[in-house]
Amino acid sequence: MSAAQIEAVLFDKDGTLFDFAATWNTFAARLIERLAEGEDLRRHGLARALKFDLGAGGFLPDSPVIAGTNREMAALIAPVLPGRSVDDLEALIVAEAENAPLSEAVALVPYLAGLAARGLTLGVMTNDSEAVARAHLRAAGIEGMFDFVAGADSGHGAKPSPQPLLAFAAATGHAPDRVIMVGDSLHDLVAGRAAGMWTAGVLTGLAGADALAPMADVVLPDIGHLPGWLARAGI
């Protein structure tokens, strides 16, 4: 199998298209403050549940939120907030997430246009909700540049299951071994390997190269380095 066979690129969203820390640390800090309602014990309880360092203002590397779904995040904090259901909290998280500050990993419009000019089919599969994903892509002016956008609630499942990745392949008519999954977490890469796809890890999330390398065909500083790698591989 040669990289020259790659016909499509499936991106994760958070930590891949958008820098994770710059986007989601701010979101989480705001969410914690809103839910704490001025109560310090509740604030610290929420931070512990999310594995968020209040002093540093960022997620710990082993936080389950990093690659988790909005519902999983809601389930983590529900025990700290008696009287608030997981459904209620999930809806709140989704509403807050739609307005999260976005920091593009690279200038996305020209970057994606360049990939499309190579004839590559483009998609996004995120463990965020589809509505939030589309809101973020729309805000960045790139929603229409993708042939496929799916979230954990789109009916295909969530990573690390390969099913949503295989749904992209089926929807766009590409064999899985002609697709490269690009992501910043092991969830992305494990899903890609299980789907029979190429996998590229990027370092714009919280995982380091050593963590990603065992499941990646290549580890890159950010998605901006992908075209160069594809060119060197002969595509």
C-alpha atoms as a PDB file:
ATOM      1  CA  MET A   1       0.000   0.000   0.000  1.00  0.00           C
ATOM      2  CA  SER A   2       1.397   3.381  -1.023  1.00  0.00           C
ATOM      3  CA  ALA A   3       0.450   6.835   0.227  1.00  0.00           C
ATOM      4  CA  ALA A   4      -0.070   7.646  -3.449  1.00  0.00           C
ATOM      5  CA  GLN A   5      -3.349   5.795  -3.058  1.00  0.00           C
ATOM      6  CA  ILE A   6      -4.750   8.363  -0.615  1.00  0.00           C
ATOM      7  CA  GLU A   7      -7.874   9.924  -2.082  1.00  0.00           C
ATOM      8  CA  ALA A   8      -9.576  11.441   0.972  1.00  0.00           C
ATOM      9  CA  VAL A   9      -8.722  13.153   4.259  1.00  0.00           C
ATOM     10  CA  LEU A  10     -10.913  12.833   7.338  1.00  0.00           C
ATOM     11  CA  PHE A  11     -10.138  15.357  10.056  1.00  0.00           C
ATOM     12  CA  ASP A  12     -10.898  15.411  13.728  1.00  0.00           C
ATOM     13  CA  LYS A  13     -12.020  18.909  14.769  1.00  0.00           C
ATOM     14  CA  ASP A  14     -10.779  19.911  18.222  1.00  0.00           C
ATOM     15  CA  GLY A  15      -7.023  19.783  18.555  1.00  0.00           C
ATOM     16  CA  THR A  16      -6.714  19.202  14.822  1.00  0.00           C
ATOM     17  CA  LEU A  17      -8.478  21.881  12.777  1.00  0.00           C
ATOM     18  CA  PHE A  18      -8.537  24.080  15.872  1.00  0.00           C
ATOM     19  CA  ASP A  19      -5.857  24.281  18.552  1.00  0.00           C
ATOM     20  CA  PHE A  20      -7.268  22.423  21.548  1.00  0.00           C
ATOM     21  CA  ALA A  21      -5.830  24.426  24.426  1.00  0.00           C
ATOM     22  CA  ALA A  22      -6.568  27.842  22.931  1.00  0.00           C
ATOM     23  CA  THR A  23     -10.184  26.882  22.262  1.00  0.00           C
ATOM     24  CA  TRP A  24     -11.296  24.518  24.992  1.00  0.00           C
ATOM     25  CA  ASN A  25      -9.387  25.674  28.066  1.00  0.00           C
ATOM     26  CA  THR A  26     -11.211  28.999  27.869  1.00  0.00           C
ATOM     27  CA  PHE A  27     -14.536  27.256  27.286  1.00  0.00           C
ATOM     28  CA  ALA A  28     -14.055  24.949  30.284  1.00  0.00           C
ATOM     29  CA  ALA A  29     -12.994  27.765  32.613  1.00  0.00           C
ATOM     30  CA  ARG A  30     -16.118  29.733  31.674  1.00  0.00           C
ATOM     31  CA  LEU A  31     -18.370  26.682  32.075  1.00  0.00           C
ATOM     32  CA  ILE A  32     -16.965  25.887  35.517  1.00  0.00           C
ATOM     33  CA  GLU A  33     -17.496  29.461  36.690  1.00  0.00           C
ATOM     34  CA  ARG A  34     -21.062  29.491  35.396  1.00  0.00           C
ATOM     35  CA  LEU A  35     -21.978  26.208  37.050  1.00  0.00           C
ATOM     36  CA  ALA A  36     -20.150  26.982  40.304  1.00  0.00           C
ATOM     37  CA  GLU A  37     -22.341  30.057  40.853  1.00  0.00           C
ATOM     38  CA  GLY A  38     -19.735  31.573  43.127  1.00  0.00           C
ATOM     39  CA  GLU A  39     -19.372  28.505  45.369  1.00  0.00           C
ATOM     40  CA  ASP A  40     -15.721  27.599  45.769  1.00  0.00           C
ATOM     41  CA  LEU A  41     -16.304  23.994  46.835  1.00  0.00           C
ATOM     42  CA  ARG A  42     -18.465  23.401  43.770  1.00  0.00           C
ATOM     43  CA  ARG A  43     -15.877  25.080  41.554  1.00  0.00           C
ATOM     44  CA  HIS A  44     -13.152  22.735  42.776  1.00  0.00           C
ATOM     45  CA  GLY A  45     -15.471  19.730  42.547  1.00  0.00           C
ATOM     46  CA  LEU A  46     -16.235  20.495  38.914  1.00  0.00           C
ATOM     47  CA  ALA A  47     -12.567  20.973  38.144  1.00  0.00           C
ATOM     48  CA  ARG A  48     -11.686  17.629  39.737  1.00  0.00           C
ATOM     49  CA  ALA A  49     -14.433  15.863  37.808  1.00  0.00           C
ATOM     50  CA  LEU A  50     -13.179  17.287  34.519  1.00  0.00           C
ATOM     51  CA  LYS A  51      -9.477  16.985  35.428  1.00  0.00           C
ATOM     52  CA  PHE A  52      -9.072  20.709  34.828  1.00  0.00           C
ATOM     53  CA  ASP A  53      -6.275  22.607  36.569  1.00  0.00           C
ATOM     54  CA  LEU A  54      -7.847  25.825  37.866  1.00  0.00           C
ATOM     55  CA  GLY A  55      -4.466  27.371  38.645  1.00  0.00           C
ATOM     56  CA  ALA A  56      -2.985  26.723  35.223  1.00  0.00           C
ATOM     57  CA  GLY A  57      -6.293  27.257  33.459  1.00  0.00           C
ATOM     58  CA  GLY A  58      -6.094  24.096  31.404  1.00  0.00           C
ATOM     59  CA  PHE A  59      -7.055  20.445  31.129  1.00  0.00           C
ATOM     60  CA  LEU A  60      -4.705  17.834  32.515  1.00  0.00           C
ATOM     61  CA  PRO A  61      -3.285  15.539  29.814  1.00  0.00           C
ATOM     62  CA  ASP A  62      -5.339  12.577  31.067  1.00  0.00           C
ATOM     63  CA  SER A  63      -8.670  14.412  31.190  1.00  0.00           C
ATOM     64  CA  PRO A  64     -11.423  12.247  29.683  1.00  0.00           C
ATOM     65  CA  VAL A  65     -12.942  15.421  28.251  1.00  0.00           C
ATOM     66  CA  ILE A  66     -10.176  15.768  25.655  1.00  0.00           C
ATOM     67  CA  ALA A  67     -11.483  13.043  23.366  1.00  0.00           C
ATOM     68  CA  GLY A  68     -14.890  12.561  24.961  1.00  0.00           C
ATOM     69  CA  THR A  69     -18.409  13.458  23.905  1.00  0.00           C
ATOM     70  CA  ASN A  70     -20.572  16.235  25.321  1.00  0.00           C
ATOM     71  CA  ARG A  71     -22.738  13.632  27.035  1.00  0.00           C
ATOM     72  CA  GLU A  72     -19.710  12.015  28.664  1.00  0.00           C
ATOM     73  CA  MET A  73     -18.671  15.438  29.937  1.00  0.00           C
ATOM     74  CA  ALA A  74     -22.166  16.010  31.322  1.00  0.00           C
ATOM     75  CA  ALA A  75     -22.060  12.650  33.096  1.00  0.00           C
ATOM     76  CA  LEU A  76     -18.744  13.572  34.725  1.00  0.00           C
ATOM     77  CA  ILE A  77     -20.074  16.747  36.324  1.00  0.00           C
ATOM     78  CA  ALA A  78     -23.619  15.608  37.151  1.00  0.00           C
ATOM     79  CA  PRO A  79     -22.615  14.125  40.560  1.00  0.00           C
ATOM     80  CA  VAL A  80     -21.234  17.538  41.570  1.00  0.00           C
ATOM     81  CA  LEU A  81     -24.521  19.253  40.710  1.00  0.00           C
ATOM     82  CA  PRO A  82     -27.423  17.593  42.551  1.00  0.00           C
ATOM     83  CA  GLY A  83     -30.721  18.316  40.881  1.00  0.00           C
ATOM     84  CA  ARG A  84     -29.205  18.778  37.420  1.00  0.00           C
ATOM     85  CA  SER A  85     -29.800  15.898  35.036  1.00  0.00           C
ATOM     86  CA  VAL A  86     -27.267  14.644  32.508  1.00  0.00           C
ATOM     87  CA  ASP A  87     -29.690  15.649  29.731  1.00  0.00           C
ATOM     88  CA  ASP A  88     -29.951  19.188  31.106  1.00  0.00           C
ATOM     89  CA  LEU A  89     -26.203  19.517  31.495  1.00  0.00           C
ATOM     90  CA  GLU A  90     -25.523  18.126  28.032  1.00  0.00           C
ATOM     91  CA  ALA A  91     -27.853  20.727  26.520  1.00  0.00           C
ATOM     92  CA  LEU A  92     -26.068  23.468  28.474  1.00  0.00           C
ATOM     93  CA  ILE A  93     -22.644  22.236  27.366  1.00  0.00           C
ATOM     94  CA  VAL A  94     -23.740  22.154  23.720  1.00  0.00           C
ATOM     95  CA  ALA A  95     -25.125  25.696  23.943  1.00  0.00           C
ATOM     96  CA  GLU A  96     -21.916  26.967  25.556  1.00  0.00           C
ATOM     97  CA  ALA A  97     -19.687  25.055  23.151  1.00  0.00           C
ATOM     98  CA  GLU A  98     -21.270  26.658  20.104  1.00  0.00           C
ATOM     99  CA  ASN A  99     -19.761  29.964  21.271  1.00  0.00           C
ATOM    100  CA  ALA A 100     -16.342  28.626  22.272  1.00  0.00           C
ATOM    101  CA  PRO A 101     -13.465  30.824  21.077  1.00  0.00           C
ATOM    102  CA  LEU A 102     -11.855  29.278  18.018  1.00  0.00           C
ATOM    103  CA  SER A 103      -8.126  29.268  17.291  1.00  0.00           C
ATOM    104  CA  GLU A 104      -7.325  27.795  13.872  1.00  0.00           C
ATOM    105  CA  ALA A 105      -4.349  25.438  13.809  1.00  0.00           C
ATOM    106  CA  VAL A 106      -3.460  26.958  10.423  1.00  0.00           C
ATOM    107  CA  ALA A 107      -5.276  29.414   8.137  1.00  0.00           C
ATOM    108  CA  LEU A 108      -8.013  26.965   7.225  1.00  0.00           C
ATOM    109  CA  VAL A 109      -9.633  28.458   4.120  1.00  0.00           C
ATOM    110  CA  PRO A 110      -6.508  28.465   1.917  1.00  0.00           C
ATOM    111  CA  TYR A 111      -5.274  25.238   3.482  1.00  0.00           C
ATOM    112  CA  LEU A 112      -8.436  23.286   2.715  1.00  0.00           C
ATOM    113  CA  ALA A 113      -8.686  24.862  -0.736  1.00  0.00           C
ATOM    114  CA  GLY A 114      -5.195  23.565  -1.436  1.00  0.00           C
ATOM    115  CA  LEU A 115      -6.136  20.030  -0.461  1.00  0.00           C
ATOM    116  CA  ALA A 116      -9.293  20.176  -2.560  1.00  0.00           C
ATOM    117  CA  ALA A 117      -7.228  21.398  -5.520  1.00  0.00           C
ATOM    118  CA  ARG A 118      -5.247  18.161  -5.244  1.00  0.00           C
ATOM    119  CA  GLY A 119      -8.499  16.284  -5.806  1.00  0.00           C
ATOM    120  CA  LEU A 120      -8.804  15.075  -2.214  1.00  0.00           C
ATOM    121  CA  THR A 121     -12.226  14.511  -0.680  1.00  0.00           C
ATOM    122  CA  LEU A 122     -12.491  16.179   2.735  1.00  0.00           C
ATOM    123  CA  GLY A 123     -14.501  15.322   5.831  1.00  0.00           C
ATOM    124  CA  VAL A 124     -14.786  15.982   9.558  1.00  0.00           C
ATOM    125  CA  MET A 125     -15.606  13.444  12.260  1.00  0.00           C
ATOM    126  CA  THR A 126     -15.634  14.744  15.816  1.00  0.00           C
ATOM    127  CA  ASN A 127     -16.807  13.443  19.171  1.00  0.00           C
ATOM    128  CA  ASP A 128     -18.425  16.851  19.657  1.00  0.00           C
ATOM    129  CA  SER A 129     -22.073  17.135  18.603  1.00  0.00           C
ATOM    130  CA  GLU A 130     -22.766  17.689  14.922  1.00  0.00           C
ATOM    131  CA  ALA A 131     -24.587  20.973  15.613  1.00  0.00           C
ATOM    132  CA  VAL A 132     -21.607  22.386  17.495  1.00  0.00           C
ATOM    133  CA  ALA A 133     -19.211  21.100  14.836  1.00  0.00           C
ATOM    134  CA  ARG A 134     -21.175  22.768  12.081  1.00  0.00           C
ATOM    135  CA  ALA A 135     -21.414  26.005  14.088  1.00  0.00           C
ATOM    136  CA  HIS A 136     -17.632  26.055  14.482  1.00  0.00           C
ATOM    137  CA  LEU A 137     -16.962  25.218  10.834  1.00  0.00           C
ATOM    138  CA  ARG A 138     -19.466  27.872   9.780  1.00  0.00           C
ATOM    139  CA  ALA A 139     -17.830  30.466  12.036  1.00  0.00           C
ATOM    140  CA  ALA A 140     -14.481  29.698  10.417  1.00  0.00           C
ATOM    141  CA  GLY A 141     -16.027  29.959   6.946  1.00  0.00           C
ATOM    142  CA  ILE A 142     -15.210  26.370   6.014  1.00  0.00           C
ATOM    143  CA  GLU A 143     -18.387  24.308   6.495  1.00  0.00           C
ATOM    144  CA  GLY A 144     -19.029  24.133   2.759  1.00  0.00           C
ATOM    145  CA  MET A 145     -15.514  22.868   2.060  1.00  0.00           C
ATOM    146  CA  PHE A 146     -16.297  19.437   3.516  1.00  0.00           C
ATOM    147  CA  ASP A 147     -18.175  16.615   1.802  1.00  0.00           C
ATOM    148  CA  PHE A 148     -19.027  14.984   5.135  1.00  0.00           C
ATOM    149  CA  VAL A 149     -19.479  16.317   8.671  1.00  0.00           C
ATOM    150  CA  ALA A 150     -20.427  14.045  11.554  1.00  0.00           C
ATOM    151  CA  GLY A 151     -20.489  14.235  15.321  1.00  0.00           C
ATOM    152  CA  ALA A 152     -20.933  11.677  18.058  1.00  0.00           C
ATOM    153  CA  ASP A 153     -24.703  12.191  17.803  1.00  0.00           C
ATOM    154  CA  SER A 154     -24.975  11.776  14.020  1.00  0.00           C
ATOM    155  CA  GLY A 155     -25.980   8.128  14.203  1.00  0.00           C
ATOM    156  CA  HIS A 156     -22.640   6.534  13.356  1.00  0.00           C
ATOM    157  CA  GLY A 157     -21.215   6.241  16.871  1.00  0.00           C
ATOM    158  CA  ALA A 158     -18.181   7.946  18.404  1.00  0.00           C
ATOM    159  CA  LYS A 159     -14.440   7.399  18.226  1.00  0.00           C
ATOM    160  CA  PRO A 160     -12.562   5.185  19.006  1.00  0.00           C
ATOM    161  CA  SER A 161     -15.171   3.098  17.189  1.00  0.00           C
ATOM    162  CA  PRO A 162     -14.281   2.831  13.502  1.00  0.00           C
ATOM    163  CA  GLN A 163     -17.945   3.040  12.478  1.00  0.00           C
ATOM    164  CA  PRO A 164     -18.160   6.826  11.941  1.00  0.00           C
ATOM    165  CA  LEU A 165     -14.961   6.686   9.892  1.00  0.00           C
ATOM    166  CA  LEU A 166     -16.350   3.878   7.774  1.00  0.00           C
ATOM    167  CA  ALA A 167     -19.518   5.945   7.335  1.00  0.00           C
ATOM    168  CA  PHE A 168     -17.363   8.691   5.785  1.00  0.00           C
ATOM    169  CA  ALA A 169     -15.747   6.199   3.423  1.00  0.00           C
ATOM    170  CA  ALA A 170     -19.114   4.793   2.400  1.00  0.00           C
ATOM    171  CA  ALA A 171     -20.728   8.223   1.966  1.00  0.00           C
ATOM    172  CA  THR A 172     -17.912   9.509  -0.232  1.00  0.00           C
ATOM    173  CA  GLY A 173     -17.250   6.326  -2.171  1.00  0.00           C
ATOM    174  CA  HIS A 174     -13.664   5.746  -1.095  1.00  0.00           C
ATOM    175  CA  ALA A 175     -12.160   2.460   0.072  1.00  0.00           C
ATOM    176  CA  PRO A 176     -11.000   2.838   3.697  1.00  0.00           C
ATOM    177  CA  ASP A 177      -7.389   2.120   2.744  1.00  0.00           C
ATOM    178  CA  ARG A 178      -7.470   5.203   0.500  1.00  0.00           C
ATOM    179  CA  VAL A 179      -8.449   7.512   3.377  1.00  0.00           C
ATOM    180  CA  ILE A 180      -6.173   9.141   5.947  1.00  0.00           C
ATOM    181  CA  MET A 181      -7.580   9.932   9.397  1.00  0.00           C
ATOM    182  CA  VAL A 182      -5.929  13.012  10.909  1.00  0.00           C
ATOM    183  CA  GLY A 183      -6.280  13.667  14.622  1.00  0.00           C
ATOM    184  CA  ASP A 184      -4.627  14.754  17.841  1.00  0.00           C
ATOM    185  CA  SER A 185      -5.678  11.911  20.145  1.00  0.00           C
ATOM    186  CA  LEU A 186      -5.335   8.166  20.387  1.00  0.00           C
ATOM    187  CA  HIS A 187      -9.117   7.933  19.957  1.00  0.00           C
ATOM    188  CA  ASP A 188      -8.671   9.309  16.435  1.00  0.00           C
ATOM    189  CA  LEU A 189      -5.770   7.068  15.531  1.00  0.00           C
ATOM    190  CA  VAL A 190      -7.187   3.887  17.092  1.00  0.00           C
ATOM    191  CA  ALA A 191     -10.404   4.470  15.142  1.00  0.00           C
ATOM    192  CA  GLY A 192      -8.428   5.038  11.963  1.00  0.00           C
ATOM    193  CA  ARG A 193      -6.376   1.878  12.356  1.00  0.00           C
ATOM    194  CA  ALA A 194      -9.489  -0.157  13.160  1.00  0.00           C
ATOM    195  CA  ALA A 195     -11.160   1.206  10.026  1.00  0.00           C
ATOM    196  CA  GLY A 196      -8.183   0.168   7.894  1.00  0.00           C
ATOM    197  CA  MET A 197      -7.220   3.763   7.129  1.00  0.00           C
ATOM    198  CA  TRP A 198      -3.940   5.630   7.118  1.00  0.00           C
ATOM    199  CA  THR A 199      -3.427   7.660  10.301  1.00  0.00           C
ATOM    200  CA  ALA A 200      -1.671  10.965  10.928  1.00  0.00           C
ATOM    201  CA  GLY A 201      -1.200  12.384  14.409  1.00  0.00           C
ATOM    202  CA  VAL A 202      -0.872  16.127  15.003  1.00  0.00           C
ATOM    203  CA  LEU A 203       0.558  17.919  18.028  1.00  0.00           C
ATOM    204  CA  THR A 204      -2.013  20.725  18.311  1.00  0.00           C
ATOM    205  CA  GLY A 205      -3.882  18.804  21.003  1.00  0.00           C
ATOM    206  CA  LEU A 206      -2.616  17.731  24.401  1.00  0.00           C
ATOM    207  CA  ALA A 207      -1.073  14.372  23.447  1.00  0.00           C
ATOM    208  CA  GLY A 208       2.652  14.207  22.773  1.00  0.00           C
ATOM    209  CA  ALA A 209       4.427  12.544  19.886  1.00  0.00           C
ATOM    210  CA  ASP A 210       5.471   9.570  22.006  1.00  0.00           C
ATOM    211  CA  ALA A 211       1.838   8.827  22.866  1.00  0.00           C
ATOM    212  CA  LEU A 212       0.617   9.114  19.272  1.00  0.00           C
ATOM    213  CA  ALA A 213       3.468   7.464  17.393  1.00  0.00           C
ATOM    214  CA  PRO A 214       2.534   3.797  18.040  1.00  0.00           C
ATOM    215  CA  MET A 215      -0.804   4.258  16.248  1.00  0.00           C
ATOM    216  CA  ALA A 216       0.289   6.764  13.585  1.00  0.00           C
ATOM    217  CA  ASP A 217       1.820   6.378  10.143  1.00  0.00           C
ATOM    218  CA  VAL A 218       3.228   9.865  10.681  1.00  0.00           C
ATOM    219  CA  VAL A 219       3.205  12.440  13.498  1.00  0.00           C
ATOM    220  CA  LEU A 220       3.230  16.064  12.359  1.00  0.00           C
ATOM    221  CA  PRO A 221       3.508  19.371  14.237  1.00  0.00           C
ATOM    222  CA  ASP A 222       0.151  20.452  12.779  1.00  0.00           C
ATOM    223  CA  ILE A 223      -2.097  19.816   9.781  1.00  0.00           C
ATOM    224  CA  GLY A 224      -0.145  22.351   7.755  1.00  0.00           C
ATOM    225  CA  HIS A 225       2.594  19.749   7.346  1.00  0.00           C
ATOM    226  CA  LEU A 226       0.267  17.150   5.804  1.00  0.00           C
ATOM    227  CA  PRO A 227       0.523  18.328   2.163  1.00  0.00           C
ATOM    228  CA  GLY A 228       4.325  18.147   2.350  1.00  0.00           C
ATOM    229  CA  TRP A 229       4.185  14.611   3.687  1.00  0.00           C
ATOM    230  CA  LEU A 230       1.731  13.597   0.976  1.00  0.00           C
ATOM    231  CA  ALA A 231       3.961  15.161  -1.671  1.00  0.00           C
ATOM    232  CA  ARG A 232       7.019  13.327  -0.377  1.00  0.00           C
ATOM    233  CA  ALA A 233       4.980  10.129  -0.473  1.00  0.00           C
ATOM    234  CA  GLY A 234       4.255  10.781  -4.131  1.00  0.00           C
ATOM    235  CA  ILE A 235       0.645  11.986  -4.080  1.00  0.00           C
END
